[in-house]
Amino acid sequence: MRAGEDAYIEKVDRLTTRLRARQVGPGDLEGALAAARDVATVDVDVPTRRNRWGIFTLKTAIKKATTWYLAYLAEQVNDLAFALLRLGEVLAERSRRSEETSADIVLRLEHHEQRLQALETPRAVRPENPGNHPGPV
């Protein structure tokens, strides 16, 4: 009996670890997607602990009577969860590309501003008489 209890406790630990709320920072897009991925699946296989025969029999009967409906519902919820997760991944990729494009635009703008400043440098700083022409006497 102890081995069965250990297996049950291990299963509960695995499930609670998977379902534990993950702490995600405000800008942590990858962490948010991972947290969504962790809980994206609805499991209809309800554990039925065997400590009392009567309760076990009742749980098993209820489980058999509702599994067909819950499995259908869970399949739809799982499909929705994975579609939303995929949407999040697509939006994350677009966000990453937007950030790269914005950084590139900022660099190009800085380059053009430097060129403009060089062109707007006052003429007094530039030599007035290039070449061999003598200046005013």
C-alpha atoms as a PDB file:
ATOM      1  CA  MET A   1       0.000   0.000   0.000  1.00  0.00           C
ATOM      2  CA  ARG A   2       2.901   2.378   0.731  1.00  0.00           C
ATOM      3  CA  ALA A   3       4.181   2.237  -2.873  1.00  0.00           C
ATOM      4  CA  GLY A   4       0.749   3.286  -4.175  1.00  0.00           C
ATOM      5  CA  GLU A   5       0.624   6.194  -1.744  1.00  0.00           C
ATOM      6  CA  ASP A   6       4.128   7.297  -2.757  1.00  0.00           C
ATOM      7  CA  ALA A   7       3.151   7.209  -6.436  1.00  0.00           C
ATOM      8  CA  TYR A   8       0.025   9.232  -5.694  1.00  0.00           C
ATOM      9  CA  ILE A   9       1.982  11.825  -3.694  1.00  0.00           C
ATOM     10  CA  GLU A  10       4.557  12.058  -6.508  1.00  0.00           C
ATOM     11  CA  LYS A  11       1.767  12.640  -9.049  1.00  0.00           C
ATOM     12  CA  VAL A  12       0.211  15.358  -6.880  1.00  0.00           C
ATOM     13  CA  ASP A  13       3.630  17.020  -6.474  1.00  0.00           C
ATOM     14  CA  ARG A  14       4.170  16.984 -10.239  1.00  0.00           C
ATOM     15  CA  LEU A  15       0.751  18.507 -10.888  1.00  0.00           C
ATOM     16  CA  THR A  16       1.063  21.200  -8.238  1.00  0.00           C
ATOM     17  CA  THR A  17       4.511  22.117  -9.534  1.00  0.00           C
ATOM     18  CA  ARG A  18       3.135  22.404 -13.072  1.00  0.00           C
ATOM     19  CA  LEU A  19       0.127  24.428 -11.983  1.00  0.00           C
ATOM     20  CA  ARG A  20       1.979  26.696  -9.558  1.00  0.00           C
ATOM     21  CA  ALA A  21       1.706  30.328 -10.583  1.00  0.00           C
ATOM     22  CA  ARG A  22       4.950  31.458 -12.108  1.00  0.00           C
ATOM     23  CA  GLN A  23       6.224  34.898 -11.146  1.00  0.00           C
ATOM     24  CA  VAL A  24       6.641  36.950 -14.318  1.00  0.00           C
ATOM     25  CA  GLY A  25       8.184  40.404 -14.431  1.00  0.00           C
ATOM     26  CA  PRO A  26       6.453  43.261 -16.263  1.00  0.00           C
ATOM     27  CA  GLY A  27       8.699  43.057 -19.344  1.00  0.00           C
ATOM     28  CA  ASP A  28       9.309  39.296 -19.323  1.00  0.00           C
ATOM     29  CA  LEU A  29       7.527  38.204 -22.481  1.00  0.00           C
ATOM     30  CA  GLU A  30       9.274  34.823 -22.689  1.00  0.00           C
ATOM     31  CA  GLY A  31       8.469  34.126 -19.036  1.00  0.00           C
ATOM     32  CA  ALA A  32       4.816  34.977 -19.614  1.00  0.00           C
ATOM     33  CA  LEU A  33       4.661  32.616 -22.589  1.00  0.00           C
ATOM     34  CA  ALA A  34       6.330  29.861 -20.551  1.00  0.00           C
ATOM     35  CA  ALA A  35       3.820  30.396 -17.726  1.00  0.00           C
ATOM     36  CA  ALA A  36       0.944  30.132 -20.205  1.00  0.00           C
ATOM     37  CA  ARG A  37       2.514  27.022 -21.736  1.00  0.00           C
ATOM     38  CA  ASP A  38       2.714  25.407 -18.279  1.00  0.00           C
ATOM     39  CA  VAL A  39      -1.040  25.596 -17.710  1.00  0.00           C
ATOM     40  CA  ALA A  40      -2.321  25.337 -21.285  1.00  0.00           C
ATOM     41  CA  THR A  41      -3.561  21.758 -20.908  1.00  0.00           C
ATOM     42  CA  VAL A  42      -6.722  20.710 -19.094  1.00  0.00           C
ATOM     43  CA  ASP A  43      -6.425  17.197 -17.656  1.00  0.00           C
ATOM     44  CA  VAL A  44      -9.716  15.343 -17.152  1.00  0.00           C
ATOM     45  CA  ASP A  45      -8.139  12.324 -15.475  1.00  0.00           C
ATOM     46  CA  VAL A  46      -9.253  13.037 -11.915  1.00  0.00           C
ATOM     47  CA  PRO A  47      -7.200  11.151  -9.305  1.00  0.00           C
ATOM     48  CA  THR A  48      -9.249   8.673  -7.260  1.00  0.00           C
ATOM     49  CA  ARG A  49      -7.471   7.859  -4.030  1.00  0.00           C
ATOM     50  CA  ARG A  50      -8.073   4.381  -2.632  1.00  0.00           C
ATOM     51  CA  ASN A  51      -8.150   4.920   1.109  1.00  0.00           C
ATOM     52  CA  ARG A  52     -11.786   3.748   1.527  1.00  0.00           C
ATOM     53  CA  TRP A  53     -13.459   1.279  -0.764  1.00  0.00           C
ATOM     54  CA  GLY A  54     -16.878   3.008  -0.752  1.00  0.00           C
ATOM     55  CA  ILE A  55     -15.503   6.452  -1.526  1.00  0.00           C
ATOM     56  CA  PHE A  56     -13.190   5.015  -4.181  1.00  0.00           C
ATOM     57  CA  THR A  57     -16.149   3.262  -5.832  1.00  0.00           C
ATOM     58  CA  LEU A  58     -18.228   6.441  -5.762  1.00  0.00           C
ATOM     59  CA  LYS A  59     -15.372   8.536  -7.200  1.00  0.00           C
ATOM     60  CA  THR A  60     -14.772   5.956  -9.919  1.00  0.00           C
ATOM     61  CA  ALA A  61     -18.469   5.882 -10.881  1.00  0.00           C
ATOM     62  CA  ILE A  62     -18.665   9.683 -11.038  1.00  0.00           C
ATOM     63  CA  LYS A  63     -15.451   9.779 -13.034  1.00  0.00           C
ATOM     64  CA  LYS A  64     -16.774   7.281 -15.596  1.00  0.00           C
ATOM     65  CA  ALA A  65     -20.101   9.112 -15.859  1.00  0.00           C
ATOM     66  CA  THR A  66     -18.551  12.524 -16.507  1.00  0.00           C
ATOM     67  CA  THR A  67     -15.335  11.731 -18.360  1.00  0.00           C
ATOM     68  CA  TRP A  68     -16.952  11.583 -21.805  1.00  0.00           C
ATOM     69  CA  TYR A  69     -18.328  15.121 -21.422  1.00  0.00           C
ATOM     70  CA  LEU A  70     -15.296  16.579 -19.683  1.00  0.00           C
ATOM     71  CA  ALA A  71     -12.947  15.090 -22.273  1.00  0.00           C
ATOM     72  CA  TYR A  72     -14.889  16.820 -25.060  1.00  0.00           C
ATOM     73  CA  LEU A  73     -14.893  20.123 -23.166  1.00  0.00           C
ATOM     74  CA  ALA A  74     -11.211  19.792 -22.237  1.00  0.00           C
ATOM     75  CA  GLU A  75     -10.279  19.183 -25.874  1.00  0.00           C
ATOM     76  CA  GLN A  76     -11.931  22.457 -26.872  1.00  0.00           C
ATOM     77  CA  VAL A  77     -10.321  24.364 -24.016  1.00  0.00           C
ATOM     78  CA  ASN A  78      -6.928  22.859 -24.876  1.00  0.00           C
ATOM     79  CA  ASP A  79      -7.341  23.896 -28.531  1.00  0.00           C
ATOM     80  CA  LEU A  80      -8.202  27.430 -27.442  1.00  0.00           C
ATOM     81  CA  ALA A  81      -5.273  27.571 -25.013  1.00  0.00           C
ATOM     82  CA  PHE A  82      -2.771  26.438 -27.653  1.00  0.00           C
ATOM     83  CA  ALA A  83      -4.214  28.850 -30.243  1.00  0.00           C
ATOM     84  CA  LEU A  84      -3.849  31.722 -27.755  1.00  0.00           C
ATOM     85  CA  LEU A  85      -0.347  30.559 -26.884  1.00  0.00           C
ATOM     86  CA  ARG A  86       0.581  30.537 -30.591  1.00  0.00           C
ATOM     87  CA  LEU A  87      -0.899  34.039 -30.925  1.00  0.00           C
ATOM     88  CA  GLY A  88       1.288  35.153 -28.016  1.00  0.00           C
ATOM     89  CA  GLU A  89       4.367  33.665 -29.694  1.00  0.00           C
ATOM     90  CA  VAL A  90       3.569  35.446 -32.974  1.00  0.00           C
ATOM     91  CA  LEU A  91       3.030  38.755 -31.167  1.00  0.00           C
ATOM     92  CA  ALA A  92       6.268  38.256 -29.232  1.00  0.00           C
ATOM     93  CA  GLU A  93       8.165  37.702 -32.487  1.00  0.00           C
ATOM     94  CA  ARG A  94       6.605  40.805 -34.049  1.00  0.00           C
ATOM     95  CA  SER A  95       7.502  42.800 -30.950  1.00  0.00           C
ATOM     96  CA  ARG A  96      11.110  41.589 -31.151  1.00  0.00           C
ATOM     97  CA  ARG A  97      11.325  42.545 -34.841  1.00  0.00           C
ATOM     98  CA  SER A  98       9.778  45.957 -34.096  1.00  0.00           C
ATOM     99  CA  GLU A  99      12.392  46.594 -31.420  1.00  0.00           C
ATOM    100  CA  GLU A 100      15.189  45.654 -33.848  1.00  0.00           C
ATOM    101  CA  THR A 101      13.725  47.887 -36.564  1.00  0.00           C
ATOM    102  CA  SER A 102      13.325  50.768 -34.107  1.00  0.00           C
ATOM    103  CA  ALA A 103      16.940  50.418 -32.993  1.00  0.00           C
ATOM    104  CA  ASP A 104      18.069  50.448 -36.638  1.00  0.00           C
ATOM    105  CA  ILE A 105      15.983  53.560 -37.364  1.00  0.00           C
ATOM    106  CA  VAL A 106      17.465  55.336 -34.330  1.00  0.00           C
ATOM    107  CA  LEU A 107      21.014  54.551 -35.522  1.00  0.00           C
ATOM    108  CA  ARG A 108      20.257  55.793 -39.036  1.00  0.00           C
ATOM    109  CA  LEU A 109      18.635  58.952 -37.665  1.00  0.00           C
ATOM    110  CA  GLU A 110      21.672  59.671 -35.492  1.00  0.00           C
ATOM    111  CA  HIS A 111      23.932  59.206 -38.541  1.00  0.00           C
ATOM    112  CA  HIS A 112      21.817  61.635 -40.613  1.00  0.00           C
ATOM    113  CA  GLU A 113      21.773  64.169 -37.766  1.00  0.00           C
ATOM    114  CA  GLN A 114      25.579  64.072 -37.636  1.00  0.00           C
ATOM    115  CA  ARG A 115      25.789  64.603 -41.402  1.00  0.00           C
ATOM    116  CA  LEU A 116      23.327  67.496 -41.183  1.00  0.00           C
ATOM    117  CA  GLN A 117      25.325  69.135 -38.387  1.00  0.00           C
ATOM    118  CA  ALA A 118      28.482  68.805 -40.487  1.00  0.00           C
ATOM    119  CA  LEU A 119      26.754  70.503 -43.421  1.00  0.00           C
ATOM    120  CA  GLU A 120      25.409  73.291 -41.210  1.00  0.00           C
ATOM    121  CA  THR A 121      28.807  74.145 -39.727  1.00  0.00           C
ATOM    122  CA  PRO A 122      29.305  77.941 -40.063  1.00  0.00           C
ATOM    123  CA  ARG A 123      31.315  79.019 -43.116  1.00  0.00           C
ATOM    124  CA  ALA A 124      33.607  81.142 -40.938  1.00  0.00           C
ATOM    125  CA  VAL A 125      35.170  77.960 -39.670  1.00  0.00           C
ATOM    126  CA  ARG A 126      35.827  76.712 -43.206  1.00  0.00           C
ATOM    127  CA  PRO A 127      38.682  78.193 -45.250  1.00  0.00           C
ATOM    128  CA  GLU A 128      37.308  81.030 -47.446  1.00  0.00           C
ATOM    129  CA  ASN A 129      39.948  80.938 -50.188  1.00  0.00           C
ATOM    130  CA  PRO A 130      40.906  77.437 -51.040  1.00  0.00           C
ATOM    131  CA  GLY A 131      43.609  77.103 -53.652  1.00  0.00           C
ATOM    132  CA  ASN A 132      46.078  79.858 -54.825  1.00  0.00           C
ATOM    133  CA  HIS A 133      43.764  82.889 -54.941  1.00  0.00           C
ATOM    134  CA  PRO A 134      45.105  85.651 -52.780  1.00  0.00           C
ATOM    135  CA  GLY A 135      42.760  87.067 -50.222  1.00  0.00           C
ATOM    136  CA  PRO A 136      41.746  90.695 -49.975  1.00  0.00           C
ATOM    137  CA  VAL A 137      44.554  93.175 -49.426  1.00  0.00           C
END
